Amino acid sequence: LADKMNSSVIFQNSFLILGVEIFS
């Protein structure tokens, strides 16, 4: 999913919400 992280604004922000703000 790394490429999707760099190409999809929805996926990027969703990852930042779940992976960074909540999880980390």
mmCIF file of all heavy atoms, coordinates in Angstrom:
data_MODEL
# 
_entry.id   MODEL 
# 
loop_
_atom_site.group_PDB 
_atom_site.id 
_atom_site.type_symbol 
_atom_site.label_atom_id 
_atom_site.label_alt_id 
_atom_site.label_comp_id 
_atom_site.label_asym_id 
_atom_site.label_entity_id 
_atom_site.label_seq_id 
_atom_site.pdbx_PDB_ins_code 
_atom_site.Cartn_x 
_atom_site.Cartn_y 
_atom_site.Cartn_z 
_atom_site.occupancy 
_atom_site.B_iso_or_equiv 
_atom_site.pdbx_formal_charge 
_atom_site.auth_seq_id 
_atom_site.auth_comp_id 
_atom_site.auth_asym_id 
_atom_site.auth_atom_id 
_atom_site.pdbx_PDB_model_num 
ATOM 1   N N   . LEU A 1 1  ? 0.807   -1.224 0.000  1.00 0.00 ? 1  LEU A N   1 
ATOM 2   C CA  . LEU A 1 1  ? 0.000   0.000  0.000  1.00 0.00 ? 1  LEU A CA  1 
ATOM 3   C C   . LEU A 1 1  ? 0.844   1.280  0.000  1.00 0.00 ? 1  LEU A C   1 
ATOM 4   O O   . LEU A 1 1  ? 0.295   2.376  0.086  1.00 0.00 ? 1  LEU A O   1 
ATOM 5   C CB  . LEU A 1 1  ? -0.925  0.007  1.231  1.00 0.00 ? 1  LEU A CB  1 
ATOM 6   C CG  . LEU A 1 1  ? -1.941  -1.137 1.301  1.00 0.00 ? 1  LEU A CG  1 
ATOM 7   C CD1 . LEU A 1 1  ? -2.649  -1.118 2.650  1.00 0.00 ? 1  LEU A CD1 1 
ATOM 8   C CD2 . LEU A 1 1  ? -2.947  -1.024 0.159  1.00 0.00 ? 1  LEU A CD2 1 
ATOM 9   N N   . ALA A 1 2  ? 2.170   1.123  -0.091 1.00 0.00 ? 2  ALA A N   1 
ATOM 10  C CA  . ALA A 1 2  ? 3.051   2.291  -0.035 1.00 0.00 ? 2  ALA A CA  1 
ATOM 11  C C   . ALA A 1 2  ? 2.796   3.256  -1.191 1.00 0.00 ? 2  ALA A C   1 
ATOM 12  O O   . ALA A 1 2  ? 2.777   4.478  -1.013 1.00 0.00 ? 2  ALA A O   1 
ATOM 13  C CB  . ALA A 1 2  ? 4.508   1.843  -0.034 1.00 0.00 ? 2  ALA A CB  1 
ATOM 14  N N   . ASP A 1 3  ? 2.594   2.710  -2.396 1.00 0.00 ? 3  ASP A N   1 
ATOM 15  C CA  . ASP A 1 3  ? 2.337   3.570  -3.559 1.00 0.00 ? 3  ASP A CA  1 
ATOM 16  C C   . ASP A 1 3  ? 1.012   4.309  -3.418 1.00 0.00 ? 3  ASP A C   1 
ATOM 17  O O   . ASP A 1 3  ? 0.892   5.473  -3.811 1.00 0.00 ? 3  ASP A O   1 
ATOM 18  C CB  . ASP A 1 3  ? 2.338   2.737  -4.836 1.00 0.00 ? 3  ASP A CB  1 
ATOM 19  C CG  . ASP A 1 3  ? 3.724   2.206  -5.189 1.00 0.00 ? 3  ASP A CG  1 
ATOM 20  O OD1 . ASP A 1 3  ? 4.703   2.822  -4.717 1.00 0.00 ? 3  ASP A OD1 1 
ATOM 21  O OD2 . ASP A 1 3  ? 3.812   1.198  -5.903 1.00 0.00 ? 3  ASP A OD2 1 
ATOM 22  N N   . LYS A 1 4  ? 0.031   3.631  -2.846 1.00 0.00 ? 4  LYS A N   1 
ATOM 23  C CA  . LYS A 1 4  ? -1.273  4.267  -2.648 1.00 0.00 ? 4  LYS A CA  1 
ATOM 24  C C   . LYS A 1 4  ? -1.163  5.417  -1.658 1.00 0.00 ? 4  LYS A C   1 
ATOM 25  O O   . LYS A 1 4  ? -1.866  6.432  -1.769 1.00 0.00 ? 4  LYS A O   1 
ATOM 26  C CB  . LYS A 1 4  ? -2.281  3.236  -2.148 1.00 0.00 ? 4  LYS A CB  1 
ATOM 27  C CG  . LYS A 1 4  ? -3.724  3.695  -2.289 1.00 0.00 ? 4  LYS A CG  1 
ATOM 28  C CD  . LYS A 1 4  ? -4.697  2.553  -2.054 1.00 0.00 ? 4  LYS A CD  1 
ATOM 29  C CE  . LYS A 1 4  ? -6.131  3.028  -2.319 1.00 0.00 ? 4  LYS A CE  1 
ATOM 30  N NZ  . LYS A 1 4  ? -7.101  1.932  -2.131 1.00 0.00 ? 4  LYS A NZ  1 
ATOM 31  N N   . MET A 1 5  ? -0.264  5.290  -0.688 1.00 0.00 ? 5  MET A N   1 
ATOM 32  C CA  . MET A 1 5  ? -0.025  6.339  0.294  1.00 0.00 ? 5  MET A CA  1 
ATOM 33  C C   . MET A 1 5  ? 0.467   7.608  -0.384 1.00 0.00 ? 5  MET A C   1 
ATOM 34  O O   . MET A 1 5  ? 0.157   8.721  0.036  1.00 0.00 ? 5  MET A O   1 
ATOM 35  C CB  . MET A 1 5  ? 1.023   5.843  1.300  1.00 0.00 ? 5  MET A CB  1 
ATOM 36  C CG  . MET A 1 5  ? 1.467   6.868  2.318  1.00 0.00 ? 5  MET A CG  1 
ATOM 37  S SD  . MET A 1 5  ? 0.215   7.191  3.555  1.00 0.00 ? 5  MET A SD  1 
ATOM 38  C CE  . MET A 1 5  ? 1.132   8.329  4.612  1.00 0.00 ? 5  MET A CE  1 
ATOM 39  N N   . ASN A 1 6  ? 1.221   7.442  -1.459 1.00 0.00 ? 6  ASN A N   1 
ATOM 40  C CA  . ASN A 1 6  ? 1.796   8.591  -2.162 1.00 0.00 ? 6  ASN A CA  1 
ATOM 41  C C   . ASN A 1 6  ? 0.940   9.076  -3.324 1.00 0.00 ? 6  ASN A C   1 
ATOM 42  O O   . ASN A 1 6  ? 1.313   10.041 -3.993 1.00 0.00 ? 6  ASN A O   1 
ATOM 43  C CB  . ASN A 1 6  ? 3.191   8.226  -2.684 1.00 0.00 ? 6  ASN A CB  1 
ATOM 44  C CG  . ASN A 1 6  ? 4.149   7.884  -1.558 1.00 0.00 ? 6  ASN A CG  1 
ATOM 45  O OD1 . ASN A 1 6  ? 4.131   8.521  -0.515 1.00 0.00 ? 6  ASN A OD1 1 
ATOM 46  N ND2 . ASN A 1 6  ? 4.985   6.876  -1.778 1.00 0.00 ? 6  ASN A ND2 1 
ATOM 47  N N   . SER A 1 7  ? -0.185  8.414  -3.567 1.00 0.00 ? 7  SER A N   1 
ATOM 48  C CA  . SER A 1 7  ? -1.001  8.799  -4.717 1.00 0.00 ? 7  SER A CA  1 
ATOM 49  C C   . SER A 1 7  ? -2.456  9.135  -4.367 1.00 0.00 ? 7  SER A C   1 
ATOM 50  O O   . SER A 1 7  ? -3.128  9.818  -5.125 1.00 0.00 ? 7  SER A O   1 
ATOM 51  C CB  . SER A 1 7  ? -0.992  7.680  -5.768 1.00 0.00 ? 7  SER A CB  1 
ATOM 52  O OG  . SER A 1 7  ? -1.522  6.477  -5.225 1.00 0.00 ? 7  SER A OG  1 
ATOM 53  N N   . SER A 1 8  ? -2.933  8.684  -3.218 1.00 0.00 ? 8  SER A N   1 
ATOM 54  C CA  . SER A 1 8  ? -4.331  8.911  -2.836 1.00 0.00 ? 8  SER A CA  1 
ATOM 55  C C   . SER A 1 8  ? -4.418  9.816  -1.613 1.00 0.00 ? 8  SER A C   1 
ATOM 56  O O   . SER A 1 8  ? -3.941  9.456  -0.529 1.00 0.00 ? 8  SER A O   1 
ATOM 57  C CB  . SER A 1 8  ? -5.025  7.576  -2.538 1.00 0.00 ? 8  SER A CB  1 
ATOM 58  O OG  . SER A 1 8  ? -6.302  7.797  -1.978 1.00 0.00 ? 8  SER A OG  1 
ATOM 59  N N   . VAL A 1 9  ? -5.026  10.979 -1.771 1.00 0.00 ? 9  VAL A N   1 
ATOM 60  C CA  . VAL A 1 9  ? -5.149  11.919 -0.657 1.00 0.00 ? 9  VAL A CA  1 
ATOM 61  C C   . VAL A 1 9  ? -6.053  11.358 0.432  1.00 0.00 ? 9  VAL A C   1 
ATOM 62  O O   . VAL A 1 9  ? -5.816  11.585 1.628  1.00 0.00 ? 9  VAL A O   1 
ATOM 63  C CB  . VAL A 1 9  ? -5.668  13.286 -1.165 1.00 0.00 ? 9  VAL A CB  1 
ATOM 64  C CG1 . VAL A 1 9  ? -7.069  13.154 -1.747 1.00 0.00 ? 9  VAL A CG1 1 
ATOM 65  C CG2 . VAL A 1 9  ? -5.662  14.312 -0.039 1.00 0.00 ? 9  VAL A CG2 1 
ATOM 66  N N   . ILE A 1 10 ? -7.080  10.620 0.041  1.00 0.00 ? 10 ILE A N   1 
ATOM 67  C CA  . ILE A 1 10 ? -7.987  10.023 1.031  1.00 0.00 ? 10 ILE A CA  1 
ATOM 68  C C   . ILE A 1 10 ? -7.265  8.951  1.835  1.00 0.00 ? 10 ILE A C   1 
ATOM 69  O O   . ILE A 1 10 ? -7.354  8.911  3.068  1.00 0.00 ? 10 ILE A O   1 
ATOM 70  C CB  . ILE A 1 10 ? -9.232  9.434  0.335  1.00 0.00 ? 10 ILE A CB  1 
ATOM 71  C CG1 . ILE A 1 10 ? -10.062 10.546 -0.307 1.00 0.00 ? 10 ILE A CG1 1 
ATOM 72  C CG2 . ILE A 1 10 ? -10.080 8.639  1.334  1.00 0.00 ? 10 ILE A CG2 1 
ATOM 73  C CD1 . ILE A 1 10 ? -11.231 10.056 -1.132 1.00 0.00 ? 10 ILE A CD1 1 
ATOM 74  N N   . PHE A 1 11 ? -6.517  8.103  1.140  1.00 0.00 ? 11 PHE A N   1 
ATOM 75  C CA  . PHE A 1 11 ? -5.780  7.042  1.835  1.00 0.00 ? 11 PHE A CA  1 
ATOM 76  C C   . PHE A 1 11 ? -4.690  7.653  2.716  1.00 0.00 ? 11 PHE A C   1 
ATOM 77  O O   . PHE A 1 11 ? -4.468  7.195  3.851  1.00 0.00 ? 11 PHE A O   1 
ATOM 78  C CB  . PHE A 1 11 ? -5.148  6.083  0.818  1.00 0.00 ? 11 PHE A CB  1 
ATOM 79  C CG  . PHE A 1 11 ? -4.470  4.906  1.456  1.00 0.00 ? 11 PHE A CG  1 
ATOM 80  C CD1 . PHE A 1 11 ? -5.187  3.769  1.802  1.00 0.00 ? 11 PHE A CD1 1 
ATOM 81  C CD2 . PHE A 1 11 ? -3.109  4.940  1.729  1.00 0.00 ? 11 PHE A CD2 1 
ATOM 82  C CE1 . PHE A 1 11 ? -4.565  2.686  2.403  1.00 0.00 ? 11 PHE A CE1 1 
ATOM 83  C CE2 . PHE A 1 11 ? -2.480  3.866  2.330  1.00 0.00 ? 11 PHE A CE2 1 
ATOM 84  C CZ  . PHE A 1 11 ? -3.204  2.727  2.665  1.00 0.00 ? 11 PHE A CZ  1 
ATOM 85  N N   . GLN A 1 12 ? -3.995  8.669  2.203  1.00 0.00 ? 12 GLN A N   1 
ATOM 86  C CA  . GLN A 1 12 ? -2.911  9.297  2.965  1.00 0.00 ? 12 GLN A CA  1 
ATOM 87  C C   . GLN A 1 12 ? -3.423  9.871  4.283  1.00 0.00 ? 12 GLN A C   1 
ATOM 88  O O   . GLN A 1 12 ? -2.851  9.647  5.348  1.00 0.00 ? 12 GLN A O   1 
ATOM 89  C CB  . GLN A 1 12 ? -2.248  10.404 2.140  1.00 0.00 ? 12 GLN A CB  1 
ATOM 90  C CG  . GLN A 1 12 ? -1.049  11.044 2.810  1.00 0.00 ? 12 GLN A CG  1 
ATOM 91  C CD  . GLN A 1 12 ? -0.466  12.174 1.981  1.00 0.00 ? 12 GLN A CD  1 
ATOM 92  O OE1 . GLN A 1 12 ? -1.020  13.270 1.940  1.00 0.00 ? 12 GLN A OE1 1 
ATOM 93  N NE2 . GLN A 1 12 ? 0.658   11.914 1.316  1.00 0.00 ? 12 GLN A NE2 1 
ATOM 94  N N   . ASN A 1 13 ? -4.528  10.613 4.224  1.00 0.00 ? 13 ASN A N   1 
ATOM 95  C CA  . ASN A 1 13 ? -5.077  11.224 5.439  1.00 0.00 ? 13 ASN A CA  1 
ATOM 96  C C   . ASN A 1 13 ? -5.672  10.175 6.379  1.00 0.00 ? 13 ASN A C   1 
ATOM 97  O O   . ASN A 1 13 ? -5.587  10.310 7.595  1.00 0.00 ? 13 ASN A O   1 
ATOM 98  C CB  . ASN A 1 13 ? -6.124  12.268 5.074  1.00 0.00 ? 13 ASN A CB  1 
ATOM 99  C CG  . ASN A 1 13 ? -5.512  13.591 4.675  1.00 0.00 ? 13 ASN A CG  1 
ATOM 100 O OD1 . ASN A 1 13 ? -5.275  14.463 5.510  1.00 0.00 ? 13 ASN A OD1 1 
ATOM 101 N ND2 . ASN A 1 13 ? -5.238  13.743 3.386  1.00 0.00 ? 13 ASN A ND2 1 
ATOM 102 N N   . SER A 1 14 ? -6.268  9.137  5.804  1.00 0.00 ? 14 SER A N   1 
ATOM 103 C CA  . SER A 1 14 ? -6.810  8.058  6.634  1.00 0.00 ? 14 SER A CA  1 
ATOM 104 C C   . SER A 1 14 ? -5.688  7.348  7.384  1.00 0.00 ? 14 SER A C   1 
ATOM 105 O O   . SER A 1 14 ? -5.829  7.009  8.575  1.00 0.00 ? 14 SER A O   1 
ATOM 106 C CB  . SER A 1 14 ? -7.576  7.056  5.774  1.00 0.00 ? 14 SER A CB  1 
ATOM 107 O OG  . SER A 1 14 ? -8.665  7.679  5.129  1.00 0.00 ? 14 SER A OG  1 
ATOM 108 N N   . PHE A 1 15 ? -4.554  7.149  6.700  1.00 0.00 ? 15 PHE A N   1 
ATOM 109 C CA  . PHE A 1 15 ? -3.399  6.517  7.344  1.00 0.00 ? 15 PHE A CA  1 
ATOM 110 C C   . PHE A 1 15 ? -2.845  7.420  8.446  1.00 0.00 ? 15 PHE A C   1 
ATOM 111 O O   . PHE A 1 15 ? -2.468  6.930  9.533  1.00 0.00 ? 15 PHE A O   1 
ATOM 112 C CB  . PHE A 1 15 ? -2.305  6.232  6.316  1.00 0.00 ? 15 PHE A CB  1 
ATOM 113 C CG  . PHE A 1 15 ? -1.029  5.732  6.927  1.00 0.00 ? 15 PHE A CG  1 
ATOM 114 C CD1 . PHE A 1 15 ? -0.912  4.408  7.317  1.00 0.00 ? 15 PHE A CD1 1 
ATOM 115 C CD2 . PHE A 1 15 ? 0.048   6.590  7.129  1.00 0.00 ? 15 PHE A CD2 1 
ATOM 116 C CE1 . PHE A 1 15 ? 0.264   3.940  7.899  1.00 0.00 ? 15 PHE A CE1 1 
ATOM 117 C CE2 . PHE A 1 15 ? 1.217   6.132  7.706  1.00 0.00 ? 15 PHE A CE2 1 
ATOM 118 C CZ  . PHE A 1 15 ? 1.330   4.801  8.091  1.00 0.00 ? 15 PHE A CZ  1 
ATOM 119 N N   . LEU A 1 16 ? -2.779  8.719  8.189  1.00 0.00 ? 16 LEU A N   1 
ATOM 120 C CA  . LEU A 1 16 ? -2.276  9.651  9.201  1.00 0.00 ? 16 LEU A CA  1 
ATOM 121 C C   . LEU A 1 16 ? -3.175  9.655  10.437 1.00 0.00 ? 16 LEU A C   1 
ATOM 122 O O   . LEU A 1 16 ? -2.693  9.756  11.569 1.00 0.00 ? 16 LEU A O   1 
ATOM 123 C CB  . LEU A 1 16 ? -2.171  11.064 8.615  1.00 0.00 ? 16 LEU A CB  1 
ATOM 124 C CG  . LEU A 1 16 ? -1.098  11.273 7.540  1.00 0.00 ? 16 LEU A CG  1 
ATOM 125 C CD1 . LEU A 1 16 ? -1.179  12.668 6.963  1.00 0.00 ? 16 LEU A CD1 1 
ATOM 126 C CD2 . LEU A 1 16 ? 0.291   11.016 8.113  1.00 0.00 ? 16 LEU A CD2 1 
ATOM 127 N N   . ILE A 1 17 ? -4.475  9.543  10.218 1.00 0.00 ? 17 ILE A N   1 
ATOM 128 C CA  . ILE A 1 17 ? -5.414  9.513  11.339 1.00 0.00 ? 17 ILE A CA  1 
ATOM 129 C C   . ILE A 1 17 ? -5.236  8.247  12.164 1.00 0.00 ? 17 ILE A C   1 
ATOM 130 O O   . ILE A 1 17 ? -5.068  8.295  13.391 1.00 0.00 ? 17 ILE A O   1 
ATOM 131 C CB  . ILE A 1 17 ? -6.871  9.622  10.839 1.00 0.00 ? 17 ILE A CB  1 
ATOM 132 C CG1 . ILE A 1 17 ? -7.138  11.008 10.250 1.00 0.00 ? 17 ILE A CG1 1 
ATOM 133 C CG2 . ILE A 1 17 ? -7.847  9.351  11.990 1.00 0.00 ? 17 ILE A CG2 1 
ATOM 134 C CD1 . ILE A 1 17 ? -8.473  11.125 9.539  1.00 0.00 ? 17 ILE A CD1 1 
ATOM 135 N N   . LEU A 1 18 ? -5.254  7.100  11.488 1.00 0.00 ? 18 LEU A N   1 
ATOM 136 C CA  . LEU A 1 18 ? -5.202  5.817  12.195 1.00 0.00 ? 18 LEU A CA  1 
ATOM 137 C C   . LEU A 1 18 ? -3.783  5.415  12.594 1.00 0.00 ? 18 LEU A C   1 
ATOM 138 O O   . LEU A 1 18 ? -3.536  5.024  13.740 1.00 0.00 ? 18 LEU A O   1 
ATOM 139 C CB  . LEU A 1 18 ? -5.815  4.715  11.317 1.00 0.00 ? 18 LEU A CB  1 
ATOM 140 C CG  . LEU A 1 18 ? -7.298  4.878  10.980 1.00 0.00 ? 18 LEU A CG  1 
ATOM 141 C CD1 . LEU A 1 18 ? -7.735  3.805  9.975  1.00 0.00 ? 18 LEU A CD1 1 
ATOM 142 C CD2 . LEU A 1 18 ? -8.145  4.779  12.242 1.00 0.00 ? 18 LEU A CD2 1 
ATOM 143 N N   . GLY A 1 19 ? -2.855  5.519  11.638 1.00 0.00 ? 19 GLY A N   1 
ATOM 144 C CA  . GLY A 1 19 ? -1.492  5.034  11.876 1.00 0.00 ? 19 GLY A CA  1 
ATOM 145 C C   . GLY A 1 19 ? -0.636  5.951  12.714 1.00 0.00 ? 19 GLY A C   1 
ATOM 146 O O   . GLY A 1 19 ? 0.231   5.480  13.465 1.00 0.00 ? 19 GLY A O   1 
ATOM 147 N N   . VAL A 1 20 ? -0.848  7.257  12.593 1.00 0.00 ? 20 VAL A N   1 
ATOM 148 C CA  . VAL A 1 20 ? -0.008  8.218  13.322 1.00 0.00 ? 20 VAL A CA  1 
ATOM 149 C C   . VAL A 1 20 ? -0.730  8.759  14.550 1.00 0.00 ? 20 VAL A C   1 
ATOM 150 O O   . VAL A 1 20 ? -0.285  8.555  15.685 1.00 0.00 ? 20 VAL A O   1 
ATOM 151 C CB  . VAL A 1 20 ? 0.439   9.375  12.397 1.00 0.00 ? 20 VAL A CB  1 
ATOM 152 C CG1 . VAL A 1 20 ? 1.266   10.389 13.189 1.00 0.00 ? 20 VAL A CG1 1 
ATOM 153 C CG2 . VAL A 1 20 ? 1.250   8.845  11.227 1.00 0.00 ? 20 VAL A CG2 1 
ATOM 154 N N   . GLU A 1 21 ? -1.833  9.476  14.332 1.00 0.00 ? 21 GLU A N   1 
ATOM 155 C CA  . GLU A 1 21 ? -2.478  10.177 15.437 1.00 0.00 ? 21 GLU A CA  1 
ATOM 156 C C   . GLU A 1 21 ? -3.023  9.230  16.513 1.00 0.00 ? 21 GLU A C   1 
ATOM 157 O O   . GLU A 1 21 ? -2.829  9.461  17.708 1.00 0.00 ? 21 GLU A O   1 
ATOM 158 C CB  . GLU A 1 21 ? -3.613  11.066 14.909 1.00 0.00 ? 21 GLU A CB  1 
ATOM 159 C CG  . GLU A 1 21 ? -3.154  12.158 13.948 1.00 0.00 ? 21 GLU A CG  1 
ATOM 160 C CD  . GLU A 1 21 ? -2.208  13.163 14.585 1.00 0.00 ? 21 GLU A CD  1 
ATOM 161 O OE1 . GLU A 1 21 ? -2.189  13.255 15.827 1.00 0.00 ? 21 GLU A OE1 1 
ATOM 162 O OE2 . GLU A 1 21 ? -1.484  13.851 13.841 1.00 0.00 ? 21 GLU A OE2 1 
ATOM 163 N N   . ILE A 1 22 ? -3.693  8.181  16.107 1.00 0.00 ? 22 ILE A N   1 
ATOM 164 C CA  . ILE A 1 22 ? -4.303  7.283  17.092 1.00 0.00 ? 22 ILE A CA  1 
ATOM 165 C C   . ILE A 1 22 ? -3.317  6.205  17.545 1.00 0.00 ? 22 ILE A C   1 
ATOM 166 O O   . ILE A 1 22 ? -3.057  6.034  18.744 1.00 0.00 ? 22 ILE A O   1 
ATOM 167 C CB  . ILE A 1 22 ? -5.579  6.638  16.517 1.00 0.00 ? 22 ILE A CB  1 
ATOM 168 C CG1 . ILE A 1 22 ? -6.634  7.723  16.256 1.00 0.00 ? 22 ILE A CG1 1 
ATOM 169 C CG2 . ILE A 1 22 ? -6.120  5.573  17.474 1.00 0.00 ? 22 ILE A CG2 1 
ATOM 170 C CD1 . ILE A 1 22 ? -7.905  7.231  15.601 1.00 0.00 ? 22 ILE A CD1 1 
ATOM 171 N N   . PHE A 1 23 ? -2.752  5.472  16.570 1.00 0.00 ? 23 PHE A N   1 
ATOM 172 C CA  . PHE A 1 23 ? -1.880  4.334  16.892 1.00 0.00 ? 23 PHE A CA  1 
ATOM 173 C C   . PHE A 1 23 ? -0.555  4.794  17.511 1.00 0.00 ? 23 PHE A C   1 
ATOM 174 O O   . PHE A 1 23 ? -0.089  4.217  18.501 1.00 0.00 ? 23 PHE A O   1 
ATOM 175 C CB  . PHE A 1 23 ? -1.622  3.521  15.626 1.00 0.00 ? 23 PHE A CB  1 
ATOM 176 C CG  . PHE A 1 23 ? -0.857  2.252  15.856 1.00 0.00 ? 23 PHE A CG  1 
ATOM 177 C CD1 . PHE A 1 23 ? -1.324  1.280  16.731 1.00 0.00 ? 23 PHE A CD1 1 
ATOM 178 C CD2 . PHE A 1 23 ? 0.338   2.019  15.183 1.00 0.00 ? 23 PHE A CD2 1 
ATOM 179 C CE1 . PHE A 1 23 ? -0.620  0.106  16.943 1.00 0.00 ? 23 PHE A CE1 1 
ATOM 180 C CE2 . PHE A 1 23 ? 1.058   0.841  15.384 1.00 0.00 ? 23 PHE A CE2 1 
ATOM 181 C CZ  . PHE A 1 23 ? 0.572   -0.114 16.272 1.00 0.00 ? 23 PHE A CZ  1 
ATOM 182 N N   . SER A 1 24 ? 0.072   5.835  16.946 1.00 0.00 ? 24 SER A N   1 
ATOM 183 C CA  . SER A 1 24 ? 1.417   6.237  17.382 1.00 0.00 ? 24 SER A CA  1 
ATOM 184 C C   . SER A 1 24 ? 1.427   7.338  18.436 1.00 0.00 ? 24 SER A C   1 
ATOM 185 O O   . SER A 1 24 ? 2.424   7.491  19.148 1.00 0.00 ? 24 SER A O   1 
ATOM 186 C CB  . SER A 1 24 ? 2.243   6.696  16.170 1.00 0.00 ? 24 SER A CB  1 
ATOM 187 O OG  . SER A 1 24 ? 2.341   5.678  15.207 1.00 0.00 ? 24 SER A OG  1 
# 
